[in-house]
């Protein structure tokens, strides 16, 4: 997958999958709170993220914070594997076209945009299933709304075919692709300036994750409402924009940013640190003959 059959791409794919698992486990409780805050009408159920956390845990137990995790776990591993693989592929292609190994921040941004496209192919449908399960209360489960991820897929497919299962994938792309480009630009800028120690990698990943989510939270709010709305309520996700602005103003588009920001820093920091550690382990087991694409890994072995 790398230059001349070099396994750099395979390393990126494997390390990306493992780091995706770390990302999900670290961030899932914050994601559940974010989804519940975004789904509600203004102040109808929860006054704040803290109130949402308290009511969720007191009524449904701590396990409620991890609702719907099995589906994104299945989706997150390959989607993050594809994210890092896409970045590696795009950088390798640019290196060949430009005839040089050193890449600018803009080159990493282009690679990040490509990585976002790779990721969304799997993450879009997975987000649909995850959101429906996260919004389900214990009462919903008792009356047989959704028994689990497979049941969600079966019932949504029955309602409207494959388009219903993948509903909101385009909005997921609008959330993740631009943010992915900005993520890698900022991440590389920090690492190139301050070095590639584990602390720097973790902090750089966390800060870049916050930027990614600041850009991505408005389409994420739209995505959540679109994916969890009853079938037929919206013909297009664009219908949500004027409705949300009229009822909640600009602040409505950043609903849930508190838990999202915490999640973004923690989960992305752990994700990038895990990626770095796994890449180093893979390099020791199977040395590469060409530089690793991401700057913090290059010249580190």
C-alpha atoms as a PDB file:
ATOM      1  CA  UNK A   1       0.000   0.000   0.000  1.00  0.00           C
ATOM      2  CA  UNK A   2       2.946   2.278   0.187  1.00  0.00           C
ATOM      3  CA  UNK A   3       5.670   3.202  -2.277  1.00  0.00           C
ATOM      4  CA  UNK A   4       6.813   0.233  -4.315  1.00  0.00           C
ATOM      5  CA  UNK A   5       4.864  -2.266  -2.240  1.00  0.00           C
ATOM      6  CA  UNK A   6       6.084  -0.777   1.055  1.00  0.00           C
ATOM      7  CA  UNK A   7       3.735  -1.657   3.943  1.00  0.00           C
ATOM      8  CA  UNK A   8       3.321   1.932   5.198  1.00  0.00           C
ATOM      9  CA  UNK A   9      -0.343   1.952   4.165  1.00  0.00           C
ATOM     10  CA  UNK A  10      -0.982  -1.373   5.892  1.00  0.00           C
ATOM     11  CA  UNK A  11       0.684  -0.062   9.042  1.00  0.00           C
ATOM     12  CA  UNK A  12      -1.535   3.040   8.894  1.00  0.00           C
ATOM     13  CA  UNK A  13      -4.639   0.885   8.382  1.00  0.00           C
ATOM     14  CA  UNK A  14      -3.924  -1.414  11.343  1.00  0.00           C
ATOM     15  CA  UNK A  15      -2.826   1.392  13.677  1.00  0.00           C
ATOM     16  CA  UNK A  16      -5.827   3.473  12.621  1.00  0.00           C
ATOM     17  CA  UNK A  17      -8.255   0.675  13.478  1.00  0.00           C
ATOM     18  CA  UNK A  18      -6.787   0.204  16.950  1.00  0.00           C
ATOM     19  CA  UNK A  19      -6.712   3.953  17.600  1.00  0.00           C
ATOM     20  CA  UNK A  20     -10.354   4.170  16.491  1.00  0.00           C
ATOM     21  CA  UNK A  21     -11.269   1.704  19.215  1.00  0.00           C
ATOM     22  CA  UNK A  22      -9.441   3.842  21.783  1.00  0.00           C
ATOM     23  CA  UNK A  23     -11.199   6.962  20.461  1.00  0.00           C
ATOM     24  CA  UNK A  24     -14.635   5.407  20.863  1.00  0.00           C
ATOM     25  CA  UNK A  25     -14.185   4.047  24.382  1.00  0.00           C
ATOM     26  CA  UNK A  26     -12.786   7.366  25.622  1.00  0.00           C
ATOM     27  CA  UNK A  27     -15.477   9.508  24.014  1.00  0.00           C
ATOM     28  CA  UNK A  28     -18.721   7.507  24.090  1.00  0.00           C
ATOM     29  CA  UNK A  29     -20.199   8.890  27.368  1.00  0.00           C
ATOM     30  CA  UNK A  30     -19.731  12.480  26.148  1.00  0.00           C
ATOM     31  CA  UNK A  31     -21.217  11.554  22.781  1.00  0.00           C
ATOM     32  CA  UNK A  32     -24.363  10.151  24.381  1.00  0.00           C
ATOM     33  CA  UNK A  33     -24.912  13.392  26.321  1.00  0.00           C
ATOM     34  CA  UNK A  34     -24.267  15.422  23.158  1.00  0.00           C
ATOM     35  CA  UNK A  35     -26.826  13.467  21.117  1.00  0.00           C
ATOM     36  CA  UNK A  36     -29.526  13.784  23.787  1.00  0.00           C
ATOM     37  CA  UNK A  37     -28.910  17.525  24.112  1.00  0.00           C
ATOM     38  CA  UNK A  38     -29.072  18.003  20.337  1.00  0.00           C
ATOM     39  CA  UNK A  39     -32.240  15.986  19.858  1.00  0.00           C
ATOM     40  CA  UNK A  40     -34.407  17.831  22.385  1.00  0.00           C
ATOM     41  CA  UNK A  41     -36.314  21.013  21.693  1.00  0.00           C
ATOM     42  CA  UNK A  42     -34.887  23.987  23.587  1.00  0.00           C
ATOM     43  CA  UNK A  43     -34.820  23.121  27.303  1.00  0.00           C
ATOM     44  CA  UNK A  44     -37.655  20.608  26.992  1.00  0.00           C
ATOM     45  CA  UNK A  45     -35.876  17.743  28.746  1.00  0.00           C
ATOM     46  CA  UNK A  46     -32.519  18.946  30.016  1.00  0.00           C
ATOM     47  CA  UNK A  47     -31.446  22.386  31.227  1.00  0.00           C
ATOM     48  CA  UNK A  48     -27.756  21.764  30.566  1.00  0.00           C
ATOM     49  CA  UNK A  49     -25.227  19.048  29.743  1.00  0.00           C
ATOM     50  CA  UNK A  50     -24.690  18.491  33.477  1.00  0.00           C
ATOM     51  CA  UNK A  51     -28.437  18.123  33.995  1.00  0.00           C
ATOM     52  CA  UNK A  52     -28.579  15.658  31.117  1.00  0.00           C
ATOM     53  CA  UNK A  53     -25.742  13.631  32.633  1.00  0.00           C
ATOM     54  CA  UNK A  54     -27.391  13.569  36.063  1.00  0.00           C
ATOM     55  CA  UNK A  55     -30.836  12.574  34.769  1.00  0.00           C
ATOM     56  CA  UNK A  56     -29.469   9.949  32.403  1.00  0.00           C
ATOM     57  CA  UNK A  57     -27.380   8.218  35.067  1.00  0.00           C
ATOM     58  CA  UNK A  58     -29.982   8.525  37.858  1.00  0.00           C
ATOM     59  CA  UNK A  59     -32.825   7.188  35.701  1.00  0.00           C
ATOM     60  CA  UNK A  60     -31.041   4.645  33.545  1.00  0.00           C
ATOM     61  CA  UNK A  61     -27.749   3.885  35.269  1.00  0.00           C
ATOM     62  CA  UNK A  62     -24.143   4.433  34.220  1.00  0.00           C
ATOM     63  CA  UNK A  63     -24.499   1.908  31.398  1.00  0.00           C
ATOM     64  CA  UNK A  64     -26.846   4.320  29.630  1.00  0.00           C
ATOM     65  CA  UNK A  65     -23.836   6.497  28.795  1.00  0.00           C
ATOM     66  CA  UNK A  66     -22.517   3.647  26.647  1.00  0.00           C
ATOM     67  CA  UNK A  67     -25.764   2.960  24.791  1.00  0.00           C
ATOM     68  CA  UNK A  68     -25.326   2.235  21.127  1.00  0.00           C
ATOM     69  CA  UNK A  69     -21.577   1.664  21.473  1.00  0.00           C
ATOM     70  CA  UNK A  70     -21.532  -1.746  19.809  1.00  0.00           C
ATOM     71  CA  UNK A  71     -22.545  -0.271  16.448  1.00  0.00           C
ATOM     72  CA  UNK A  72     -19.957   2.526  16.337  1.00  0.00           C
ATOM     73  CA  UNK A  73     -17.386   0.047  17.642  1.00  0.00           C
ATOM     74  CA  UNK A  74     -18.006  -2.099  14.585  1.00  0.00           C
ATOM     75  CA  UNK A  75     -17.998   1.021  12.384  1.00  0.00           C
ATOM     76  CA  UNK A  76     -15.293   2.969  14.212  1.00  0.00           C
ATOM     77  CA  UNK A  77     -12.500   0.435  13.798  1.00  0.00           C
ATOM     78  CA  UNK A  78     -12.681   0.265   9.973  1.00  0.00           C
ATOM     79  CA  UNK A  79     -13.625   3.948   9.596  1.00  0.00           C
ATOM     80  CA  UNK A  80     -10.581   5.146  11.547  1.00  0.00           C
ATOM     81  CA  UNK A  81      -8.459   2.570   9.764  1.00  0.00           C
ATOM     82  CA  UNK A  82      -9.676   4.149   6.502  1.00  0.00           C
ATOM     83  CA  UNK A  83      -9.135   7.666   7.913  1.00  0.00           C
ATOM     84  CA  UNK A  84      -5.437   7.122   8.505  1.00  0.00           C
ATOM     85  CA  UNK A  85      -5.108   5.005   5.374  1.00  0.00           C
ATOM     86  CA  UNK A  86      -6.701   7.790   3.305  1.00  0.00           C
ATOM     87  CA  UNK A  87      -4.256  10.316   4.766  1.00  0.00           C
ATOM     88  CA  UNK A  88      -1.365   7.989   3.925  1.00  0.00           C
ATOM     89  CA  UNK A  89      -2.623   7.370   0.379  1.00  0.00           C
ATOM     90  CA  UNK A  90      -3.138  11.072  -0.334  1.00  0.00           C
ATOM     91  CA  UNK A  91       0.298  12.023   1.004  1.00  0.00           C
ATOM     92  CA  UNK A  92       1.986   9.225  -0.950  1.00  0.00           C
ATOM     93  CA  UNK A  93       0.275  10.377  -4.147  1.00  0.00           C
ATOM     94  CA  UNK A  94       1.299  13.992  -3.558  1.00  0.00           C
ATOM     95  CA  UNK A  95       4.882  12.920  -2.852  1.00  0.00           C
ATOM     96  CA  UNK A  96       4.983  11.092  -6.183  1.00  0.00           C
ATOM     97  CA  UNK A  97       3.405  13.976  -8.102  1.00  0.00           C
ATOM     98  CA  UNK A  98       5.618  16.643  -6.511  1.00  0.00           C
ATOM     99  CA  UNK A  99       8.765  14.515  -6.483  1.00  0.00           C
ATOM    100  CA  UNK A 100       9.638  15.197  -2.843  1.00  0.00           C
ATOM    101  CA  UNK A 101       9.128  13.615   0.580  1.00  0.00           C
ATOM    102  CA  UNK A 102       8.651  16.742   2.692  1.00  0.00           C
ATOM    103  CA  UNK A 103       5.042  17.867   2.670  1.00  0.00           C
ATOM    104  CA  UNK A 104       3.671  21.304   3.574  1.00  0.00           C
ATOM    105  CA  UNK A 105       0.781  21.913   5.936  1.00  0.00           C
ATOM    106  CA  UNK A 106      -1.464  22.427   2.923  1.00  0.00           C
ATOM    107  CA  UNK A 107      -0.445  19.015   1.599  1.00  0.00           C
ATOM    108  CA  UNK A 108      -1.479  17.510   4.922  1.00  0.00           C
ATOM    109  CA  UNK A 109      -4.749  19.433   4.689  1.00  0.00           C
ATOM    110  CA  UNK A 110      -5.483  17.911   1.281  1.00  0.00           C
ATOM    111  CA  UNK A 111      -4.607  14.512   2.688  1.00  0.00           C
ATOM    112  CA  UNK A 112      -6.953  15.202   5.606  1.00  0.00           C
ATOM    113  CA  UNK A 113      -9.845  16.028   3.280  1.00  0.00           C
ATOM    114  CA  UNK A 114      -9.211  12.765   1.435  1.00  0.00           C
ATOM    115  CA  UNK A 115      -9.085  10.892   4.730  1.00  0.00           C
ATOM    116  CA  UNK A 116     -12.474  12.346   5.668  1.00  0.00           C
ATOM    117  CA  UNK A 117     -14.021  10.997   2.462  1.00  0.00           C
ATOM    118  CA  UNK A 118     -12.585   7.547   3.172  1.00  0.00           C
ATOM    119  CA  UNK A 119     -13.999   7.614   6.707  1.00  0.00           C
ATOM    120  CA  UNK A 120     -17.554   8.723   5.918  1.00  0.00           C
ATOM    121  CA  UNK A 121     -18.255   5.733   3.644  1.00  0.00           C
ATOM    122  CA  UNK A 122     -18.580   3.587   6.766  1.00  0.00           C
ATOM    123  CA  UNK A 123     -19.230   6.137   9.496  1.00  0.00           C
ATOM    124  CA  UNK A 124     -22.398   7.626   7.925  1.00  0.00           C
ATOM    125  CA  UNK A 125     -24.688   4.580   8.268  1.00  0.00           C
ATOM    126  CA  UNK A 126     -23.071   3.721  11.611  1.00  0.00           C
ATOM    127  CA  UNK A 127     -23.971   7.183  12.950  1.00  0.00           C
ATOM    128  CA  UNK A 128     -27.598   6.649  11.974  1.00  0.00           C
ATOM    129  CA  UNK A 129     -27.860   3.433  13.982  1.00  0.00           C
ATOM    130  CA  UNK A 130     -25.897   4.850  16.914  1.00  0.00           C
ATOM    131  CA  UNK A 131     -28.070   7.965  17.240  1.00  0.00           C
ATOM    132  CA  UNK A 132     -31.310   5.982  17.197  1.00  0.00           C
ATOM    133  CA  UNK A 133     -30.031   3.705  19.960  1.00  0.00           C
ATOM    134  CA  UNK A 134     -28.677   6.593  22.042  1.00  0.00           C
ATOM    135  CA  UNK A 135     -32.065   8.326  21.952  1.00  0.00           C
ATOM    136  CA  UNK A 136     -33.846   5.186  23.086  1.00  0.00           C
ATOM    137  CA  UNK A 137     -34.844   5.208  26.757  1.00  0.00           C
ATOM    138  CA  UNK A 138     -35.424   2.083  28.851  1.00  0.00           C
ATOM    139  CA  UNK A 139     -39.175   2.527  28.310  1.00  0.00           C
ATOM    140  CA  UNK A 140     -38.667   2.543  24.535  1.00  0.00           C
ATOM    141  CA  UNK A 141     -36.720  -0.687  24.828  1.00  0.00           C
ATOM    142  CA  UNK A 142     -39.415  -2.314  26.980  1.00  0.00           C
ATOM    143  CA  UNK A 143     -42.097  -1.609  24.409  1.00  0.00           C
ATOM    144  CA  UNK A 144     -39.895  -3.136  21.746  1.00  0.00           C
ATOM    145  CA  UNK A 145     -38.784  -0.118  19.748  1.00  0.00           C
ATOM    146  CA  UNK A 146     -35.248  -1.308  19.048  1.00  0.00           C
ATOM    147  CA  UNK A 147     -33.631  -4.390  20.565  1.00  0.00           C
ATOM    148  CA  UNK A 148     -30.153  -3.608  19.278  1.00  0.00           C
ATOM    149  CA  UNK A 149     -28.075  -2.481  16.262  1.00  0.00           C
ATOM    150  CA  UNK A 150     -29.199  -5.316  13.980  1.00  0.00           C
ATOM    151  CA  UNK A 151     -32.818  -4.629  14.879  1.00  0.00           C
ATOM    152  CA  UNK A 152     -32.343  -0.925  14.020  1.00  0.00           C
ATOM    153  CA  UNK A 153     -30.915  -1.813  10.610  1.00  0.00           C
ATOM    154  CA  UNK A 154     -33.687  -4.317   9.922  1.00  0.00           C
ATOM    155  CA  UNK A 155     -36.497  -1.946  10.907  1.00  0.00           C
ATOM    156  CA  UNK A 156     -35.087   1.131   9.161  1.00  0.00           C
ATOM    157  CA  UNK A 157     -34.474  -0.928   6.027  1.00  0.00           C
ATOM    158  CA  UNK A 158     -38.072  -2.139   6.192  1.00  0.00           C
ATOM    159  CA  UNK A 159     -39.234   1.495   6.438  1.00  0.00           C
ATOM    160  CA  UNK A 160     -37.381   2.816   3.408  1.00  0.00           C
ATOM    161  CA  UNK A 161     -34.684   0.515   2.072  1.00  0.00           C
ATOM    162  CA  UNK A 162     -30.964   1.240   1.993  1.00  0.00           C
ATOM    163  CA  UNK A 163     -31.555   5.002   1.736  1.00  0.00           C
ATOM    164  CA  UNK A 164     -33.290   4.934   5.103  1.00  0.00           C
ATOM    165  CA  UNK A 165     -30.393   3.022   6.702  1.00  0.00           C
ATOM    166  CA  UNK A 166     -27.879   5.512   5.293  1.00  0.00           C
ATOM    167  CA  UNK A 167     -29.988   8.562   6.021  1.00  0.00           C
ATOM    168  CA  UNK A 168     -27.827  11.551   6.938  1.00  0.00           C
ATOM    169  CA  UNK A 169     -24.597  10.227   5.408  1.00  0.00           C
ATOM    170  CA  UNK A 170     -24.202  13.361   3.253  1.00  0.00           C
ATOM    171  CA  UNK A 171     -24.542  15.606   6.309  1.00  0.00           C
ATOM    172  CA  UNK A 172     -22.033  13.384   8.111  1.00  0.00           C
ATOM    173  CA  UNK A 173     -19.656  14.109   5.226  1.00  0.00           C
ATOM    174  CA  UNK A 174     -20.222  17.854   5.591  1.00  0.00           C
ATOM    175  CA  UNK A 175     -19.354  17.454   9.259  1.00  0.00           C
ATOM    176  CA  UNK A 176     -16.262  15.268   8.897  1.00  0.00           C
ATOM    177  CA  UNK A 177     -14.533  16.067   5.596  1.00  0.00           C
ATOM    178  CA  UNK A 178     -13.749  19.810   6.092  1.00  0.00           C
ATOM    179  CA  UNK A 179     -12.971  19.205   9.761  1.00  0.00           C
ATOM    180  CA  UNK A 180     -10.604  16.394   8.868  1.00  0.00           C
ATOM    181  CA  UNK A 181      -8.611  18.695   6.588  1.00  0.00           C
ATOM    182  CA  UNK A 182      -8.307  21.342   9.320  1.00  0.00           C
ATOM    183  CA  UNK A 183      -7.464  18.674  11.889  1.00  0.00           C
ATOM    184  CA  UNK A 184      -4.351  17.504  10.072  1.00  0.00           C
ATOM    185  CA  UNK A 185      -3.195  21.050   9.274  1.00  0.00           C
ATOM    186  CA  UNK A 186      -3.303  22.120  12.923  1.00  0.00           C
ATOM    187  CA  UNK A 187      -1.973  18.800  14.207  1.00  0.00           C
ATOM    188  CA  UNK A 188       1.040  18.903  11.904  1.00  0.00           C
ATOM    189  CA  UNK A 189       1.705  22.575  12.714  1.00  0.00           C
ATOM    190  CA  UNK A 190       1.833  21.838  16.465  1.00  0.00           C
ATOM    191  CA  UNK A 191       3.951  18.701  16.151  1.00  0.00           C
ATOM    192  CA  UNK A 192       6.392  20.294  13.703  1.00  0.00           C
ATOM    193  CA  UNK A 193       6.908  23.246  16.069  1.00  0.00           C
ATOM    194  CA  UNK A 194       6.977  21.525  19.460  1.00  0.00           C
ATOM    195  CA  UNK A 195       8.271  18.040  18.648  1.00  0.00           C
ATOM    196  CA  UNK A 196       6.794  14.561  18.773  1.00  0.00           C
ATOM    197  CA  UNK A 197       6.919  13.556  22.434  1.00  0.00           C
ATOM    198  CA  UNK A 198       3.923  11.556  23.741  1.00  0.00           C
ATOM    199  CA  UNK A 199       2.680  14.632  25.605  1.00  0.00           C
ATOM    200  CA  UNK A 200       2.894  16.851  22.516  1.00  0.00           C
ATOM    201  CA  UNK A 201       1.173  14.231  20.371  1.00  0.00           C
ATOM    202  CA  UNK A 202      -1.670  13.892  22.892  1.00  0.00           C
ATOM    203  CA  UNK A 203      -2.161  17.646  23.313  1.00  0.00           C
ATOM    204  CA  UNK A 204      -1.860  18.291  19.564  1.00  0.00           C
ATOM    205  CA  UNK A 205      -4.455  15.613  18.865  1.00  0.00           C
ATOM    206  CA  UNK A 206      -6.771  17.054  21.510  1.00  0.00           C
ATOM    207  CA  UNK A 207      -6.516  20.669  20.320  1.00  0.00           C
ATOM    208  CA  UNK A 208      -6.935  19.626  16.683  1.00  0.00           C
ATOM    209  CA  UNK A 209      -9.957  17.579  17.685  1.00  0.00           C
ATOM    210  CA  UNK A 210     -11.590  20.633  19.271  1.00  0.00           C
ATOM    211  CA  UNK A 211     -11.058  22.613  16.054  1.00  0.00           C
ATOM    212  CA  UNK A 212     -12.488  19.751  14.017  1.00  0.00           C
ATOM    213  CA  UNK A 213     -15.607  19.711  16.180  1.00  0.00           C
ATOM    214  CA  UNK A 214     -16.014  23.476  16.288  1.00  0.00           C
ATOM    215  CA  UNK A 215     -16.302  23.366  12.497  1.00  0.00           C
ATOM    216  CA  UNK A 216     -18.344  20.171  12.519  1.00  0.00           C
ATOM    217  CA  UNK A 217     -20.858  20.791  15.313  1.00  0.00           C
ATOM    218  CA  UNK A 218     -23.463  22.745  13.238  1.00  0.00           C
ATOM    219  CA  UNK A 219     -23.799  19.983  10.613  1.00  0.00           C
ATOM    220  CA  UNK A 220     -23.650  17.453  13.464  1.00  0.00           C
ATOM    221  CA  UNK A 221     -26.686  19.065  15.134  1.00  0.00           C
ATOM    222  CA  UNK A 222     -28.528  18.951  11.808  1.00  0.00           C
ATOM    223  CA  UNK A 223     -27.420  15.355  11.262  1.00  0.00           C
ATOM    224  CA  UNK A 224     -28.647  14.219  14.669  1.00  0.00           C
ATOM    225  CA  UNK A 225     -32.091  15.772  14.195  1.00  0.00           C
ATOM    226  CA  UNK A 226     -32.363  14.422  10.662  1.00  0.00           C
ATOM    227  CA  UNK A 227     -31.263  10.898  11.582  1.00  0.00           C
ATOM    228  CA  UNK A 228     -33.513  10.618  14.636  1.00  0.00           C
ATOM    229  CA  UNK A 229     -36.628  12.289  13.163  1.00  0.00           C
ATOM    230  CA  UNK A 230     -39.648  10.139  12.257  1.00  0.00           C
ATOM    231  CA  UNK A 231     -39.692   9.026   8.653  1.00  0.00           C
ATOM    232  CA  UNK A 232     -41.330  11.631   6.423  1.00  0.00           C
ATOM    233  CA  UNK A 233     -40.891  14.582   8.778  1.00  0.00           C
ATOM    234  CA  UNK A 234     -38.132  16.068   6.626  1.00  0.00           C
ATOM    235  CA  UNK A 235     -37.658  15.596   2.911  1.00  0.00           C
ATOM    236  CA  UNK A 236     -34.171  17.041   3.217  1.00  0.00           C
ATOM    237  CA  UNK A 237     -31.760  17.885   6.023  1.00  0.00           C
ATOM    238  CA  UNK A 238     -31.785  21.467   4.691  1.00  0.00           C
ATOM    239  CA  UNK A 239     -35.314  21.892   6.072  1.00  0.00           C
ATOM    240  CA  UNK A 240     -33.904  21.701   9.598  1.00  0.00           C
ATOM    241  CA  UNK A 241     -31.739  24.834   9.194  1.00  0.00           C
ATOM    242  CA  UNK A 242     -34.490  27.511   9.102  1.00  0.00           C
ATOM    243  CA  UNK A 243     -36.575  25.589  11.635  1.00  0.00           C
ATOM    244  CA  UNK A 244     -33.710  25.389  14.111  1.00  0.00           C
ATOM    245  CA  UNK A 245     -32.650  28.995  13.607  1.00  0.00           C
ATOM    246  CA  UNK A 246     -36.207  30.242  14.113  1.00  0.00           C
ATOM    247  CA  UNK A 247     -36.704  28.295  17.349  1.00  0.00           C
ATOM    248  CA  UNK A 248     -33.237  28.554  18.947  1.00  0.00           C
ATOM    249  CA  UNK A 249     -31.135  31.069  16.999  1.00  0.00           C
ATOM    250  CA  UNK A 250     -27.447  30.565  16.197  1.00  0.00           C
ATOM    251  CA  UNK A 251     -26.895  28.966  19.588  1.00  0.00           C
ATOM    252  CA  UNK A 252     -29.020  26.036  18.503  1.00  0.00           C
ATOM    253  CA  UNK A 253     -26.399  25.055  15.951  1.00  0.00           C
ATOM    254  CA  UNK A 254     -23.797  24.682  18.705  1.00  0.00           C
ATOM    255  CA  UNK A 255     -25.987  22.700  21.063  1.00  0.00           C
ATOM    256  CA  UNK A 256     -23.970  19.988  22.762  1.00  0.00           C
ATOM    257  CA  UNK A 257     -20.610  21.653  22.070  1.00  0.00           C
ATOM    258  CA  UNK A 258     -19.672  21.462  25.772  1.00  0.00           C
ATOM    259  CA  UNK A 259     -19.598  17.653  25.965  1.00  0.00           C
ATOM    260  CA  UNK A 260     -18.401  17.525  22.346  1.00  0.00           C
ATOM    261  CA  UNK A 261     -15.425  19.752  23.122  1.00  0.00           C
ATOM    262  CA  UNK A 262     -14.406  17.657  26.130  1.00  0.00           C
ATOM    263  CA  UNK A 263     -14.889  14.491  24.130  1.00  0.00           C
ATOM    264  CA  UNK A 264     -12.962  15.901  21.176  1.00  0.00           C
ATOM    265  CA  UNK A 265      -9.922  16.796  23.272  1.00  0.00           C
ATOM    266  CA  UNK A 266      -9.841  13.590  25.296  1.00  0.00           C
ATOM    267  CA  UNK A 267     -10.753  11.112  22.567  1.00  0.00           C
ATOM    268  CA  UNK A 268      -8.609  12.623  19.798  1.00  0.00           C
ATOM    269  CA  UNK A 269      -5.633  12.998  22.117  1.00  0.00           C
ATOM    270  CA  UNK A 270      -5.850   9.336  23.103  1.00  0.00           C
ATOM    271  CA  UNK A 271      -6.509   8.352  19.481  1.00  0.00           C
ATOM    272  CA  UNK A 272      -3.369  10.030  18.125  1.00  0.00           C
ATOM    273  CA  UNK A 273      -1.205   8.788  20.993  1.00  0.00           C
ATOM    274  CA  UNK A 274      -2.465   5.240  20.425  1.00  0.00           C
ATOM    275  CA  UNK A 275      -1.804   5.580  16.701  1.00  0.00           C
ATOM    276  CA  UNK A 276       1.766   6.704  17.362  1.00  0.00           C
ATOM    277  CA  UNK A 277       2.455   3.860  19.807  1.00  0.00           C
ATOM    278  CA  UNK A 278       1.004   1.207  17.496  1.00  0.00           C
ATOM    279  CA  UNK A 279       2.942   2.571  14.507  1.00  0.00           C
ATOM    280  CA  UNK A 280       6.174   2.354  16.504  1.00  0.00           C
ATOM    281  CA  UNK A 281       5.362  -1.217  17.530  1.00  0.00           C
ATOM    282  CA  UNK A 282       4.588  -2.212  13.942  1.00  0.00           C
ATOM    283  CA  UNK A 283       7.809  -0.570  12.763  1.00  0.00           C
ATOM    284  CA  UNK A 284       9.834  -2.624  15.222  1.00  0.00           C
ATOM    285  CA  UNK A 285       8.111  -5.805  14.063  1.00  0.00           C
ATOM    286  CA  UNK A 286       8.233  -4.932  10.346  1.00  0.00           C
ATOM    287  CA  UNK A 287      10.604  -2.052   9.530  1.00  0.00           C
ATOM    288  CA  UNK A 288       9.556   0.309   6.762  1.00  0.00           C
ATOM    289  CA  UNK A 289      11.804   1.242   3.861  1.00  0.00           C
ATOM    290  CA  UNK A 290      10.210   4.685   3.349  1.00  0.00           C
ATOM    291  CA  UNK A 291       9.268   7.512   5.744  1.00  0.00           C
ATOM    292  CA  UNK A 292       5.954   7.349   7.578  1.00  0.00           C
ATOM    293  CA  UNK A 293       3.482   9.870   6.251  1.00  0.00           C
ATOM    294  CA  UNK A 294       2.478  11.582   9.500  1.00  0.00           C
ATOM    295  CA  UNK A 295       5.249  13.859  10.695  1.00  0.00           C
ATOM    296  CA  UNK A 296       5.343  12.714  14.300  1.00  0.00           C
ATOM    297  CA  UNK A 297       6.208   9.184  13.213  1.00  0.00           C
ATOM    298  CA  UNK A 298       8.875  10.122  10.674  1.00  0.00           C
ATOM    299  CA  UNK A 299      12.468   9.860  11.868  1.00  0.00           C
ATOM    300  CA  UNK A 300      11.220   8.534  15.215  1.00  0.00           C
ATOM    301  CA  UNK A 301      12.235   4.972  14.773  1.00  0.00           C
END
